[in-house]
Amino acid sequence: MPPTLHLVFSHPADLSRAATLLRDGGLVAFATETVYGLGANALLAEAVAGIFAAKQRPSWDPLIVHLASVEQLSQIAQVPVELAGRVSALADAFWPGPLTLLLPRSPAVPDAVTAGRGLVGVRIPGHPAARALLAAAGVPVAAPSANLFGHTSPTTAAHVLADLDGRIDAVFDAGPTSIGVESTVLDPTQTPMVLYRPGAVTAAQLTAVTGVAVEVFVPTGETRPQSTPSPGVGIRHYAPRARMVLVEGSLAALQAGVAEAEATAQGGKIGVLLPEGWTLNADAVIQSWARWNDPDALAAGLFGGLRALDDSGVPVILCPLPEPGGIGDAIRDRLQKAARPA
């Protein structure tokens, strides 16, 4: 494949080019409010297969389908009458936005999209570039994160190209993403509803809208399944090349962790993702993160910070874990999965 085209959202001709590529079965990475996704026409099995090949993604990991509007939902999903009220309430509250719903799939959806399962992940993104591209393409678009499988997710076009240049047709650049962690994934077909991946939409918000309790899915075991129930529930995911070491979130704990890591670093510098305003006594590669009391900014800067430290060549990255609650749950989820042994 030739080098990846670098298309820009602010250029109308580039929007048209990206939409045509998607409609015709090409692979186009594009910005959403969460992370950059790698898109393909969700109704073309050959195009969907291209996603798995480009990302080196195993077939057991399902994809999320992105729509321009709720009117497209019937192409992808068949919502039973008894769930229509619950799904409508969630859609009205959180679409467009960073919520993925797992719904009974339409027969038009290729098996590869759902890893052979009966539910398909669907969301309507809120980013203006994503919305414009999906509307112009006119087709549902399957799109996992636009990175090599298991690697740190991309929040800029440069991150996409670092992993996938020459492996995909185009990247549709709309600048850095705003949320910085992937969408919340919810199965509303069960009672209680099952939260498979935390994100910017929280369990408390979901319950407040529906009146239905939410149960958090906890993955177990290291074996590779025939298919996982949701995207993003693999034991190890979001990982930099460097080994991740996590400490519970305080400067004292981080200082102690750094001292321990330096003692075993065999002369090489370690990397630290350091919240703004924290001062560390260490000869380390420091990547400034965000203010510790601003979890939204911590989420937005997480993957970019990890990629910057990876690019510096450090063998180990230390990172404090934010407090649980709100989007802090999503940050903790991504860091804990990134720190799992390979």
C-alpha atoms as a PDB file:
ATOM      1  CA  MET A   1       0.000   0.000   0.000  1.00  0.00           C
ATOM      2  CA  PRO A   2       1.341   3.549  -0.760  1.00  0.00           C
ATOM      3  CA  PRO A   3       1.969   6.054   2.064  1.00  0.00           C
ATOM      4  CA  THR A   4      -1.127   7.051   3.966  1.00  0.00           C
ATOM      5  CA  LEU A   5      -2.907  10.189   2.714  1.00  0.00           C
ATOM      6  CA  HIS A   6      -2.962  13.022   5.255  1.00  0.00           C
ATOM      7  CA  LEU A   7      -6.358  14.692   4.813  1.00  0.00           C
ATOM      8  CA  VAL A   8      -7.504  17.698   6.853  1.00  0.00           C
ATOM      9  CA  PHE A   9     -11.004  18.398   8.208  1.00  0.00           C
ATOM     10  CA  SER A  10     -10.827  22.124   7.359  1.00  0.00           C
ATOM     11  CA  HIS A  11     -10.432  21.353   3.635  1.00  0.00           C
ATOM     12  CA  PRO A  12     -13.819  20.540   2.010  1.00  0.00           C
ATOM     13  CA  ALA A  13     -12.170  18.539  -0.777  1.00  0.00           C
ATOM     14  CA  ASP A  14     -10.441  16.375   1.841  1.00  0.00           C
ATOM     15  CA  LEU A  15     -13.759  15.665   3.558  1.00  0.00           C
ATOM     16  CA  SER A  16     -15.206  14.506   0.236  1.00  0.00           C
ATOM     17  CA  ARG A  17     -12.124  12.360  -0.467  1.00  0.00           C
ATOM     18  CA  ALA A  18     -12.274  10.694   2.942  1.00  0.00           C
ATOM     19  CA  ALA A  19     -16.012  10.010   2.627  1.00  0.00           C
ATOM     20  CA  THR A  20     -15.580   8.444  -0.812  1.00  0.00           C
ATOM     21  CA  LEU A  21     -12.778   6.222   0.448  1.00  0.00           C
ATOM     22  CA  LEU A  22     -14.963   4.972   3.285  1.00  0.00           C
ATOM     23  CA  ARG A  23     -18.011   4.406   1.107  1.00  0.00           C
ATOM     24  CA  ASP A  24     -15.938   2.449  -1.416  1.00  0.00           C
ATOM     25  CA  GLY A  25     -14.310   0.105   1.097  1.00  0.00           C
ATOM     26  CA  GLY A  26     -11.130   1.993   2.058  1.00  0.00           C
ATOM     27  CA  LEU A  27      -9.610   2.455   5.523  1.00  0.00           C
ATOM     28  CA  VAL A  28      -9.736   5.984   6.953  1.00  0.00           C
ATOM     29  CA  ALA A  29      -8.637   7.009  10.448  1.00  0.00           C
ATOM     30  CA  PHE A  30     -10.642   9.920  11.822  1.00  0.00           C
ATOM     31  CA  ALA A  31     -10.983  11.996  14.962  1.00  0.00           C
ATOM     32  CA  THR A  32     -13.785  11.432  17.421  1.00  0.00           C
ATOM     33  CA  GLU A  33     -14.170  13.191  20.752  1.00  0.00           C
ATOM     34  CA  THR A  34     -12.640  10.149  22.495  1.00  0.00           C
ATOM     35  CA  VAL A  35      -9.704   8.872  20.381  1.00  0.00           C
ATOM     36  CA  TYR A  36      -8.967   8.506  16.667  1.00  0.00           C
ATOM     37  CA  GLY A  37     -10.851   5.571  15.137  1.00  0.00           C
ATOM     38  CA  LEU A  38      -9.880   3.410  12.161  1.00  0.00           C
ATOM     39  CA  GLY A  39     -12.961   3.387   9.979  1.00  0.00           C
ATOM     40  CA  ALA A  40     -14.279   1.067   7.282  1.00  0.00           C
ATOM     41  CA  ASN A  41     -17.720   0.566   5.723  1.00  0.00           C
ATOM     42  CA  ALA A  42     -19.405  -1.640   8.344  1.00  0.00           C
ATOM     43  CA  LEU A  43     -21.618  -3.356   5.754  1.00  0.00           C
ATOM     44  CA  LEU A  44     -18.708  -4.544   3.567  1.00  0.00           C
ATOM     45  CA  ALA A  45     -17.074  -7.678   4.983  1.00  0.00           C
ATOM     46  CA  GLU A  46     -13.910  -7.156   2.934  1.00  0.00           C
ATOM     47  CA  ALA A  47     -13.510  -3.601   4.226  1.00  0.00           C
ATOM     48  CA  VAL A  48     -14.011  -4.757   7.819  1.00  0.00           C
ATOM     49  CA  ALA A  49     -11.368  -7.453   7.297  1.00  0.00           C
ATOM     50  CA  GLY A  50      -8.981  -4.666   6.328  1.00  0.00           C
ATOM     51  CA  ILE A  51      -9.293  -3.165   9.812  1.00  0.00           C
ATOM     52  CA  PHE A  52      -8.169  -6.405  11.423  1.00  0.00           C
ATOM     53  CA  ALA A  53      -5.260  -6.765   9.005  1.00  0.00           C
ATOM     54  CA  ALA A  54      -4.038  -3.163   9.379  1.00  0.00           C
ATOM     55  CA  LYS A  55      -4.222  -3.210  13.185  1.00  0.00           C
ATOM     56  CA  GLN A  56      -3.036  -6.826  13.509  1.00  0.00           C
ATOM     57  CA  ARG A  57      -6.172  -7.219  15.599  1.00  0.00           C
ATOM     58  CA  PRO A  58      -7.340 -10.733  16.566  1.00  0.00           C
ATOM     59  CA  SER A  59     -10.696 -11.812  15.205  1.00  0.00           C
ATOM     60  CA  TRP A  60     -12.085 -12.434  18.705  1.00  0.00           C
ATOM     61  CA  ASP A  61     -12.166  -8.697  19.501  1.00  0.00           C
ATOM     62  CA  PRO A  62     -15.387  -7.039  18.207  1.00  0.00           C
ATOM     63  CA  LEU A  63     -15.702  -3.568  16.702  1.00  0.00           C
ATOM     64  CA  ILE A  64     -17.922  -0.548  17.336  1.00  0.00           C
ATOM     65  CA  VAL A  65     -20.103   0.818  14.534  1.00  0.00           C
ATOM     66  CA  HIS A  66     -20.341   4.607  14.252  1.00  0.00           C
ATOM     67  CA  LEU A  67     -23.460   6.282  12.845  1.00  0.00           C
ATOM     68  CA  ALA A  68     -24.232   9.798  11.655  1.00  0.00           C
ATOM     69  CA  SER A  69     -27.719   9.782  13.177  1.00  0.00           C
ATOM     70  CA  VAL A  70     -30.170   7.634  15.090  1.00  0.00           C
ATOM     71  CA  GLU A  71     -32.137   7.167  11.854  1.00  0.00           C
ATOM     72  CA  GLN A  72     -29.366   4.791  10.700  1.00  0.00           C
ATOM     73  CA  LEU A  73     -29.734   2.558  13.745  1.00  0.00           C
ATOM     74  CA  SER A  74     -32.156   0.148  12.038  1.00  0.00           C
ATOM     75  CA  GLN A  75     -29.449  -0.729   9.462  1.00  0.00           C
ATOM     76  CA  ILE A  76     -27.265  -2.092  12.254  1.00  0.00           C
ATOM     77  CA  ALA A  77     -29.480  -3.103  15.173  1.00  0.00           C
ATOM     78  CA  GLN A  78     -32.888  -4.568  15.920  1.00  0.00           C
ATOM     79  CA  VAL A  79     -34.107  -3.160  19.226  1.00  0.00           C
ATOM     80  CA  PRO A  80     -36.900  -5.280  20.744  1.00  0.00           C
ATOM     81  CA  VAL A  81     -40.057  -3.475  21.819  1.00  0.00           C
ATOM     82  CA  GLU A  82     -39.471  -4.175  25.506  1.00  0.00           C
ATOM     83  CA  LEU A  83     -36.080  -2.376  25.366  1.00  0.00           C
ATOM     84  CA  ALA A  84     -37.095   0.511  23.132  1.00  0.00           C
ATOM     85  CA  GLY A  85     -37.835   2.898  25.992  1.00  0.00           C
ATOM     86  CA  ARG A  86     -34.543   2.222  27.752  1.00  0.00           C
ATOM     87  CA  VAL A  87     -32.502   2.550  24.558  1.00  0.00           C
ATOM     88  CA  SER A  88     -34.347   5.738  23.556  1.00  0.00           C
ATOM     89  CA  ALA A  89     -33.679   7.292  26.962  1.00  0.00           C
ATOM     90  CA  LEU A  90     -29.966   6.521  26.675  1.00  0.00           C
ATOM     91  CA  ALA A  91     -29.770   7.769  23.095  1.00  0.00           C
ATOM     92  CA  ASP A  92     -31.604  10.988  23.945  1.00  0.00           C
ATOM     93  CA  ALA A  93     -29.316  11.659  26.900  1.00  0.00           C
ATOM     94  CA  PHE A  94     -25.911  10.670  25.526  1.00  0.00           C
ATOM     95  CA  TRP A  95     -25.970  10.678  21.708  1.00  0.00           C
ATOM     96  CA  PRO A  96     -24.155  12.251  20.022  1.00  0.00           C
ATOM     97  CA  GLY A  97     -21.429  11.488  22.535  1.00  0.00           C
ATOM     98  CA  PRO A  98     -19.021   9.007  24.118  1.00  0.00           C
ATOM     99  CA  LEU A  99     -21.432   6.146  24.849  1.00  0.00           C
ATOM    100  CA  THR A 100     -21.470   2.813  23.000  1.00  0.00           C
ATOM    101  CA  LEU A 101     -24.551   0.600  23.354  1.00  0.00           C
ATOM    102  CA  LEU A 102     -24.458  -3.153  22.728  1.00  0.00           C
ATOM    103  CA  LEU A 103     -27.693  -3.983  20.876  1.00  0.00           C
ATOM    104  CA  PRO A 104     -29.116  -6.986  19.016  1.00  0.00           C
ATOM    105  CA  ARG A 105     -27.491  -6.947  15.604  1.00  0.00           C
ATOM    106  CA  SER A 106     -29.125  -6.684  12.210  1.00  0.00           C
ATOM    107  CA  PRO A 107     -28.521  -9.527   9.699  1.00  0.00           C
ATOM    108  CA  ALA A 108     -26.755  -6.940   7.497  1.00  0.00           C
ATOM    109  CA  VAL A 109     -23.835  -6.725   9.938  1.00  0.00           C
ATOM    110  CA  PRO A 110     -20.890  -8.977   8.942  1.00  0.00           C
ATOM    111  CA  ASP A 111     -19.895 -11.552  11.553  1.00  0.00           C
ATOM    112  CA  ALA A 112     -16.413 -10.050  11.847  1.00  0.00           C
ATOM    113  CA  VAL A 113     -17.847  -6.810  13.272  1.00  0.00           C
ATOM    114  CA  THR A 114     -19.293  -8.594  16.314  1.00  0.00           C
ATOM    115  CA  ALA A 115     -16.799 -11.481  16.517  1.00  0.00           C
ATOM    116  CA  GLY A 116     -19.790 -13.730  15.785  1.00  0.00           C
ATOM    117  CA  ARG A 117     -21.798 -12.506  18.767  1.00  0.00           C
ATOM    118  CA  GLY A 118     -25.434 -11.463  18.732  1.00  0.00           C
ATOM    119  CA  LEU A 119     -24.880  -7.918  19.977  1.00  0.00           C
ATOM    120  CA  VAL A 120     -23.263  -5.094  18.027  1.00  0.00           C
ATOM    121  CA  GLY A 121     -21.635  -2.029  19.565  1.00  0.00           C
ATOM    122  CA  VAL A 122     -23.133   1.224  18.246  1.00  0.00           C
ATOM    123  CA  ARG A 123     -22.508   4.881  18.938  1.00  0.00           C
ATOM    124  CA  ILE A 124     -23.089   8.312  17.407  1.00  0.00           C
ATOM    125  CA  PRO A 125     -19.933  10.356  18.006  1.00  0.00           C
ATOM    126  CA  GLY A 126     -20.151  14.009  18.943  1.00  0.00           C
ATOM    127  CA  HIS A 127     -16.998  15.326  17.284  1.00  0.00           C
ATOM    128  CA  PRO A 128     -17.865  17.675  14.391  1.00  0.00           C
ATOM    129  CA  ALA A 129     -15.277  16.055  12.090  1.00  0.00           C
ATOM    130  CA  ALA A 130     -16.635  12.578  12.767  1.00  0.00           C
ATOM    131  CA  ARG A 131     -20.210  13.736  12.274  1.00  0.00           C
ATOM    132  CA  ALA A 132     -19.380  15.484   9.006  1.00  0.00           C
ATOM    133  CA  LEU A 133     -17.466  12.481   7.691  1.00  0.00           C
ATOM    134  CA  LEU A 134     -20.143   9.961   8.632  1.00  0.00           C
ATOM    135  CA  ALA A 135     -22.877  12.102   7.091  1.00  0.00           C
ATOM    136  CA  ALA A 136     -20.896  12.551   3.878  1.00  0.00           C
ATOM    137  CA  ALA A 137     -20.042   8.849   3.640  1.00  0.00           C
ATOM    138  CA  GLY A 138     -23.678   7.863   4.141  1.00  0.00           C
ATOM    139  CA  VAL A 139     -22.830   4.414   5.486  1.00  0.00           C
ATOM    140  CA  PRO A 140     -22.358   2.942   8.980  1.00  0.00           C
ATOM    141  CA  VAL A 141     -18.645   2.891   9.807  1.00  0.00           C
ATOM    142  CA  ALA A 142     -16.951   0.249  11.948  1.00  0.00           C
ATOM    143  CA  ALA A 143     -14.055   1.853  13.809  1.00  0.00           C
ATOM    144  CA  PRO A 144     -11.863   0.607  16.639  1.00  0.00           C
ATOM    145  CA  SER A 145      -8.996   2.820  17.828  1.00  0.00           C
ATOM    146  CA  ALA A 146      -6.562   3.666  15.007  1.00  0.00           C
ATOM    147  CA  ASN A 147      -3.446   2.019  16.410  1.00  0.00           C
ATOM    148  CA  LEU A 148      -1.692  -1.321  16.327  1.00  0.00           C
ATOM    149  CA  PHE A 149      -3.609  -3.800  18.479  1.00  0.00           C
ATOM    150  CA  GLY A 150      -2.923  -3.486  22.188  1.00  0.00           C
ATOM    151  CA  HIS A 151      -0.795  -0.350  21.789  1.00  0.00           C
ATOM    152  CA  THR A 152      -1.446   3.058  23.346  1.00  0.00           C
ATOM    153  CA  SER A 153      -4.515   4.641  21.761  1.00  0.00           C
ATOM    154  CA  PRO A 154      -4.059   7.620  19.385  1.00  0.00           C
ATOM    155  CA  THR A 155      -5.331  11.076  20.251  1.00  0.00           C
ATOM    156  CA  THR A 156      -3.700  12.921  17.307  1.00  0.00           C
ATOM    157  CA  ALA A 157      -3.197  12.204  13.615  1.00  0.00           C
ATOM    158  CA  ALA A 158       0.544  11.948  14.291  1.00  0.00           C
ATOM    159  CA  HIS A 159      -0.111   9.075  16.714  1.00  0.00           C
ATOM    160  CA  VAL A 160      -2.124   7.305  14.004  1.00  0.00           C
ATOM    161  CA  LEU A 161       0.670   7.666  11.457  1.00  0.00           C
ATOM    162  CA  ALA A 162       3.284   6.469  13.949  1.00  0.00           C
ATOM    163  CA  ASP A 163       1.467   3.108  14.074  1.00  0.00           C
ATOM    164  CA  LEU A 164      -0.322   2.788  10.751  1.00  0.00           C
ATOM    165  CA  ASP A 165       1.435   4.861   8.056  1.00  0.00           C
ATOM    166  CA  GLY A 166       1.422   2.792   4.877  1.00  0.00           C
ATOM    167  CA  ARG A 167      -1.093   0.325   6.350  1.00  0.00           C
ATOM    168  CA  ILE A 168      -4.265   2.404   5.781  1.00  0.00           C
ATOM    169  CA  ASP A 169      -5.561   4.644   2.999  1.00  0.00           C
ATOM    170  CA  ALA A 170      -5.918   7.958   4.842  1.00  0.00           C
ATOM    171  CA  VAL A 171      -6.008   9.798   8.130  1.00  0.00           C
ATOM    172  CA  PHE A 172      -8.596  12.574   8.448  1.00  0.00           C
ATOM    173  CA  ASP A 173      -6.894  15.077  10.736  1.00  0.00           C
ATOM    174  CA  ALA A 174      -9.021  17.273  13.001  1.00  0.00           C
ATOM    175  CA  GLY A 175      -6.435  18.018  15.679  1.00  0.00           C
ATOM    176  CA  PRO A 176      -6.181  16.476  19.154  1.00  0.00           C
ATOM    177  CA  THR A 177      -9.191  14.692  20.600  1.00  0.00           C
ATOM    178  CA  SER A 178     -10.892  16.301  23.598  1.00  0.00           C
ATOM    179  CA  ILE A 179     -11.840  13.445  25.952  1.00  0.00           C
ATOM    180  CA  GLY A 180      -8.782  11.278  25.337  1.00  0.00           C
ATOM    181  CA  VAL A 181     -10.109   7.891  26.499  1.00  0.00           C
ATOM    182  CA  GLU A 182     -12.401   5.528  24.634  1.00  0.00           C
ATOM    183  CA  SER A 183     -16.188   5.535  24.918  1.00  0.00           C
ATOM    184  CA  THR A 184     -18.133   3.973  27.738  1.00  0.00           C
ATOM    185  CA  VAL A 185     -19.478   0.586  26.597  1.00  0.00           C
ATOM    186  CA  LEU A 186     -22.826  -0.522  28.043  1.00  0.00           C
ATOM    187  CA  ASP A 187     -25.052  -3.555  27.489  1.00  0.00           C
ATOM    188  CA  PRO A 188     -28.553  -2.206  28.159  1.00  0.00           C
ATOM    189  CA  THR A 189     -30.236  -5.484  27.174  1.00  0.00           C
ATOM    190  CA  GLN A 190     -29.623  -6.955  30.625  1.00  0.00           C
ATOM    191  CA  THR A 191     -30.985  -6.024  34.039  1.00  0.00           C
ATOM    192  CA  PRO A 192     -28.921  -4.817  35.767  1.00  0.00           C
ATOM    193  CA  MET A 193     -27.237  -3.248  32.742  1.00  0.00           C
ATOM    194  CA  VAL A 194     -23.596  -4.289  32.277  1.00  0.00           C
ATOM    195  CA  LEU A 195     -20.812  -1.724  31.994  1.00  0.00           C
ATOM    196  CA  TYR A 196     -18.007  -3.332  29.993  1.00  0.00           C
ATOM    197  CA  ARG A 197     -15.712  -0.326  29.647  1.00  0.00           C
ATOM    198  CA  PRO A 198     -15.717   2.863  31.751  1.00  0.00           C
ATOM    199  CA  GLY A 199     -15.457   6.190  29.977  1.00  0.00           C
ATOM    200  CA  ALA A 200     -16.653   9.784  30.187  1.00  0.00           C
ATOM    201  CA  VAL A 201     -20.277   8.639  30.673  1.00  0.00           C
ATOM    202  CA  THR A 202     -20.406   7.160  34.174  1.00  0.00           C
ATOM    203  CA  ALA A 203     -22.446   4.375  35.737  1.00  0.00           C
ATOM    204  CA  ALA A 204     -24.211   6.900  37.963  1.00  0.00           C
ATOM    205  CA  GLN A 205     -25.280   8.942  34.931  1.00  0.00           C
ATOM    206  CA  LEU A 206     -26.575   5.823  33.173  1.00  0.00           C
ATOM    207  CA  THR A 207     -28.654   4.805  36.171  1.00  0.00           C
ATOM    208  CA  ALA A 208     -29.957   8.329  36.638  1.00  0.00           C
ATOM    209  CA  VAL A 209     -31.302   8.350  33.070  1.00  0.00           C
ATOM    210  CA  THR A 210     -32.794   4.854  33.008  1.00  0.00           C
ATOM    211  CA  GLY A 211     -33.589   4.083  36.648  1.00  0.00           C
ATOM    212  CA  VAL A 212     -31.792   0.753  36.110  1.00  0.00           C
ATOM    213  CA  ALA A 213     -28.794  -0.404  38.138  1.00  0.00           C
ATOM    214  CA  VAL A 214     -25.420  -0.898  36.442  1.00  0.00           C
ATOM    215  CA  GLU A 215     -23.088  -3.816  37.104  1.00  0.00           C
ATOM    216  CA  VAL A 216     -19.394  -3.411  36.216  1.00  0.00           C
ATOM    217  CA  PHE A 217     -17.900  -6.278  34.204  1.00  0.00           C
ATOM    218  CA  VAL A 218     -14.646  -7.679  35.614  1.00  0.00           C
ATOM    219  CA  PRO A 219     -12.560  -9.687  33.104  1.00  0.00           C
ATOM    220  CA  THR A 220     -10.836 -12.786  34.406  1.00  0.00           C
ATOM    221  CA  GLY A 221      -8.187 -15.150  33.066  1.00  0.00           C
ATOM    222  CA  GLU A 222      -5.508 -14.792  30.415  1.00  0.00           C
ATOM    223  CA  THR A 223      -6.807 -17.250  27.833  1.00  0.00           C
ATOM    224  CA  ARG A 224      -7.776 -15.973  24.394  1.00  0.00           C
ATOM    225  CA  PRO A 225     -11.534 -16.402  23.953  1.00  0.00           C
ATOM    226  CA  GLN A 226     -13.325 -17.274  20.756  1.00  0.00           C
ATOM    227  CA  SER A 227     -14.807 -13.793  21.135  1.00  0.00           C
ATOM    228  CA  THR A 228     -14.984 -11.167  23.861  1.00  0.00           C
ATOM    229  CA  PRO A 229     -18.336  -9.711  24.918  1.00  0.00           C
ATOM    230  CA  SER A 230     -17.255  -6.147  24.201  1.00  0.00           C
ATOM    231  CA  PRO A 231     -14.416  -4.105  22.729  1.00  0.00           C
ATOM    232  CA  GLY A 232     -11.753  -3.033  25.212  1.00  0.00           C
ATOM    233  CA  VAL A 233     -12.106  -5.816  27.783  1.00  0.00           C
ATOM    234  CA  GLY A 234      -8.858  -7.621  26.965  1.00  0.00           C
ATOM    235  CA  ILE A 235      -6.646  -8.229  29.996  1.00  0.00           C
ATOM    236  CA  ARG A 236      -3.717  -6.253  28.466  1.00  0.00           C
ATOM    237  CA  HIS A 237      -4.495  -3.223  26.330  1.00  0.00           C
ATOM    238  CA  TYR A 238      -3.497   0.423  25.749  1.00  0.00           C
ATOM    239  CA  ALA A 239       0.135  -0.474  26.467  1.00  0.00           C
ATOM    240  CA  PRO A 240       3.298   1.475  25.639  1.00  0.00           C
ATOM    241  CA  ARG A 241       6.466  -0.386  24.687  1.00  0.00           C
ATOM    242  CA  ALA A 242       8.000   0.512  28.044  1.00  0.00           C
ATOM    243  CA  ARG A 243       7.070  -1.450  31.148  1.00  0.00           C
ATOM    244  CA  MET A 244       4.421   0.361  33.170  1.00  0.00           C
ATOM    245  CA  VAL A 245       4.676   0.732  36.955  1.00  0.00           C
ATOM    246  CA  LEU A 246       1.671   2.213  38.767  1.00  0.00           C
ATOM    247  CA  VAL A 247       1.473   3.763  42.231  1.00  0.00           C
ATOM    248  CA  GLU A 248      -1.576   4.955  44.119  1.00  0.00           C
ATOM    249  CA  GLY A 249      -1.927   8.666  43.641  1.00  0.00           C
ATOM    250  CA  SER A 250       0.229  10.748  45.932  1.00  0.00           C
ATOM    251  CA  LEU A 251       3.541  12.499  45.459  1.00  0.00           C
ATOM    252  CA  ALA A 252       5.080  10.559  48.359  1.00  0.00           C
ATOM    253  CA  ALA A 253       4.043   7.225  46.837  1.00  0.00           C
ATOM    254  CA  LEU A 254       5.347   8.281  43.437  1.00  0.00           C
ATOM    255  CA  GLN A 255       8.685   9.418  44.917  1.00  0.00           C
ATOM    256  CA  ALA A 256       9.063   6.060  46.658  1.00  0.00           C
ATOM    257  CA  GLY A 257       8.179   4.198  43.475  1.00  0.00           C
ATOM    258  CA  VAL A 258      10.694   6.183  41.465  1.00  0.00           C
ATOM    259  CA  ALA A 259      13.442   5.479  43.992  1.00  0.00           C
ATOM    260  CA  GLU A 260      12.706   1.760  43.805  1.00  0.00           C
ATOM    261  CA  ALA A 261      12.600   1.775  39.995  1.00  0.00           C
ATOM    262  CA  GLU A 262      15.877   3.722  39.765  1.00  0.00           C
ATOM    263  CA  ALA A 263      17.581   1.135  41.953  1.00  0.00           C
ATOM    264  CA  THR A 264      16.733  -1.608  39.440  1.00  0.00           C
ATOM    265  CA  ALA A 265      17.085   0.410  36.220  1.00  0.00           C
ATOM    266  CA  GLN A 266      20.680  -0.704  35.617  1.00  0.00           C
ATOM    267  CA  GLY A 267      21.871   2.793  34.792  1.00  0.00           C
ATOM    268  CA  GLY A 268      19.109   3.769  32.338  1.00  0.00           C
ATOM    269  CA  LYS A 269      16.772   6.663  33.035  1.00  0.00           C
ATOM    270  CA  ILE A 270      13.189   5.876  33.894  1.00  0.00           C
ATOM    271  CA  GLY A 271      10.186   7.855  32.652  1.00  0.00           C
ATOM    272  CA  VAL A 272       7.571   9.519  34.840  1.00  0.00           C
ATOM    273  CA  LEU A 273       4.141  10.854  33.885  1.00  0.00           C
ATOM    274  CA  LEU A 274       4.106  13.686  36.409  1.00  0.00           C
ATOM    275  CA  PRO A 275       1.069  15.793  37.365  1.00  0.00           C
ATOM    276  CA  GLU A 276       1.530  19.553  37.037  1.00  0.00           C
ATOM    277  CA  GLY A 277       2.701  21.164  40.271  1.00  0.00           C
ATOM    278  CA  TRP A 278       4.364  18.014  41.625  1.00  0.00           C
ATOM    279  CA  THR A 279       8.138  18.257  42.156  1.00  0.00           C
ATOM    280  CA  LEU A 280      10.091  15.031  41.920  1.00  0.00           C
ATOM    281  CA  ASN A 281      13.601  14.443  43.279  1.00  0.00           C
ATOM    282  CA  ALA A 282      14.886  12.117  40.581  1.00  0.00           C
ATOM    283  CA  ASP A 283      17.136  11.965  37.537  1.00  0.00           C
ATOM    284  CA  ALA A 284      14.305  10.816  35.304  1.00  0.00           C
ATOM    285  CA  VAL A 285      12.667  11.689  32.004  1.00  0.00           C
ATOM    286  CA  ILE A 286       9.673  13.771  33.085  1.00  0.00           C
ATOM    287  CA  GLN A 287       6.549  14.135  30.981  1.00  0.00           C
ATOM    288  CA  SER A 288       4.183  16.789  32.317  1.00  0.00           C
ATOM    289  CA  TRP A 289       0.638  15.464  32.575  1.00  0.00           C
ATOM    290  CA  ALA A 290      -2.106  17.783  33.940  1.00  0.00           C
ATOM    291  CA  ARG A 291      -3.290  19.150  37.277  1.00  0.00           C
ATOM    292  CA  TRP A 292      -4.083  16.324  39.690  1.00  0.00           C
ATOM    293  CA  ASN A 293      -7.424  17.890  40.615  1.00  0.00           C
ATOM    294  CA  ASP A 294      -8.547  18.056  36.958  1.00  0.00           C
ATOM    295  CA  PRO A 295      -9.488  14.493  35.967  1.00  0.00           C
ATOM    296  CA  ASP A 296     -10.848  15.553  32.579  1.00  0.00           C
ATOM    297  CA  ALA A 297      -7.459  17.048  31.679  1.00  0.00           C
ATOM    298  CA  LEU A 298      -5.681  13.959  33.035  1.00  0.00           C
ATOM    299  CA  ALA A 299      -7.788  11.795  30.703  1.00  0.00           C
ATOM    300  CA  ALA A 300      -7.178  14.068  27.714  1.00  0.00           C
ATOM    301  CA  GLY A 301      -3.406  13.983  28.234  1.00  0.00           C
ATOM    302  CA  LEU A 302      -2.971  10.348  29.234  1.00  0.00           C
ATOM    303  CA  PHE A 303      -2.210   8.576  25.954  1.00  0.00           C
ATOM    304  CA  GLY A 304      -0.217  11.468  24.509  1.00  0.00           C
ATOM    305  CA  GLY A 305       1.955  11.496  27.611  1.00  0.00           C
ATOM    306  CA  LEU A 306       2.574   7.767  27.465  1.00  0.00           C
ATOM    307  CA  ARG A 307       3.483   7.983  23.776  1.00  0.00           C
ATOM    308  CA  ALA A 308       5.901  10.861  24.417  1.00  0.00           C
ATOM    309  CA  LEU A 309       7.683   8.853  27.111  1.00  0.00           C
ATOM    310  CA  ASP A 310       7.793   5.816  24.829  1.00  0.00           C
ATOM    311  CA  ASP A 311       9.355   7.954  22.099  1.00  0.00           C
ATOM    312  CA  SER A 312      12.098   9.003  24.541  1.00  0.00           C
ATOM    313  CA  GLY A 313      13.214   5.380  24.763  1.00  0.00           C
ATOM    314  CA  VAL A 314      12.810   4.853  28.503  1.00  0.00           C
ATOM    315  CA  PRO A 315      12.508   1.184  29.550  1.00  0.00           C
ATOM    316  CA  VAL A 316      10.096   1.887  32.428  1.00  0.00           C
ATOM    317  CA  ILE A 317       7.273   4.422  32.897  1.00  0.00           C
ATOM    318  CA  LEU A 318       5.956   5.282  36.356  1.00  0.00           C
ATOM    319  CA  CYS A 319       2.502   6.784  36.681  1.00  0.00           C
ATOM    320  CA  PRO A 320       0.264   7.659  39.652  1.00  0.00           C
ATOM    321  CA  LEU A 321      -3.288   6.305  39.664  1.00  0.00           C
ATOM    322  CA  PRO A 322      -6.036   8.914  40.064  1.00  0.00           C
ATOM    323  CA  GLU A 323      -8.775   8.452  42.631  1.00  0.00           C
ATOM    324  CA  PRO A 324     -11.732   6.267  41.551  1.00  0.00           C
ATOM    325  CA  GLY A 325     -14.972   7.929  40.514  1.00  0.00           C
ATOM    326  CA  GLY A 326     -16.162   9.717  37.385  1.00  0.00           C
ATOM    327  CA  ILE A 327     -13.695   9.661  34.524  1.00  0.00           C
ATOM    328  CA  GLY A 328     -11.055   8.608  37.070  1.00  0.00           C
ATOM    329  CA  ASP A 329     -12.482   5.087  36.702  1.00  0.00           C
ATOM    330  CA  ALA A 330     -11.693   5.171  32.980  1.00  0.00           C
ATOM    331  CA  ILE A 331      -8.140   6.435  33.558  1.00  0.00           C
ATOM    332  CA  ARG A 332      -7.507   3.705  36.142  1.00  0.00           C
ATOM    333  CA  ASP A 333      -8.935   1.061  33.798  1.00  0.00           C
ATOM    334  CA  ARG A 334      -6.627   2.096  30.940  1.00  0.00           C
ATOM    335  CA  LEU A 335      -3.530   2.314  33.152  1.00  0.00           C
ATOM    336  CA  GLN A 336      -4.162  -1.008  34.885  1.00  0.00           C
ATOM    337  CA  LYS A 337      -4.604  -2.792  31.562  1.00  0.00           C
ATOM    338  CA  ALA A 338      -1.512  -1.072  30.146  1.00  0.00           C
ATOM    339  CA  ALA A 339       0.519  -2.289  33.111  1.00  0.00           C
ATOM    340  CA  ARG A 340      -0.432  -5.964  32.753  1.00  0.00           C
ATOM    341  CA  PRO A 341       2.463  -8.245  31.819  1.00  0.00           C
ATOM    342  CA  ALA A 342       2.646  -9.141  28.120  1.00  0.00           C
END
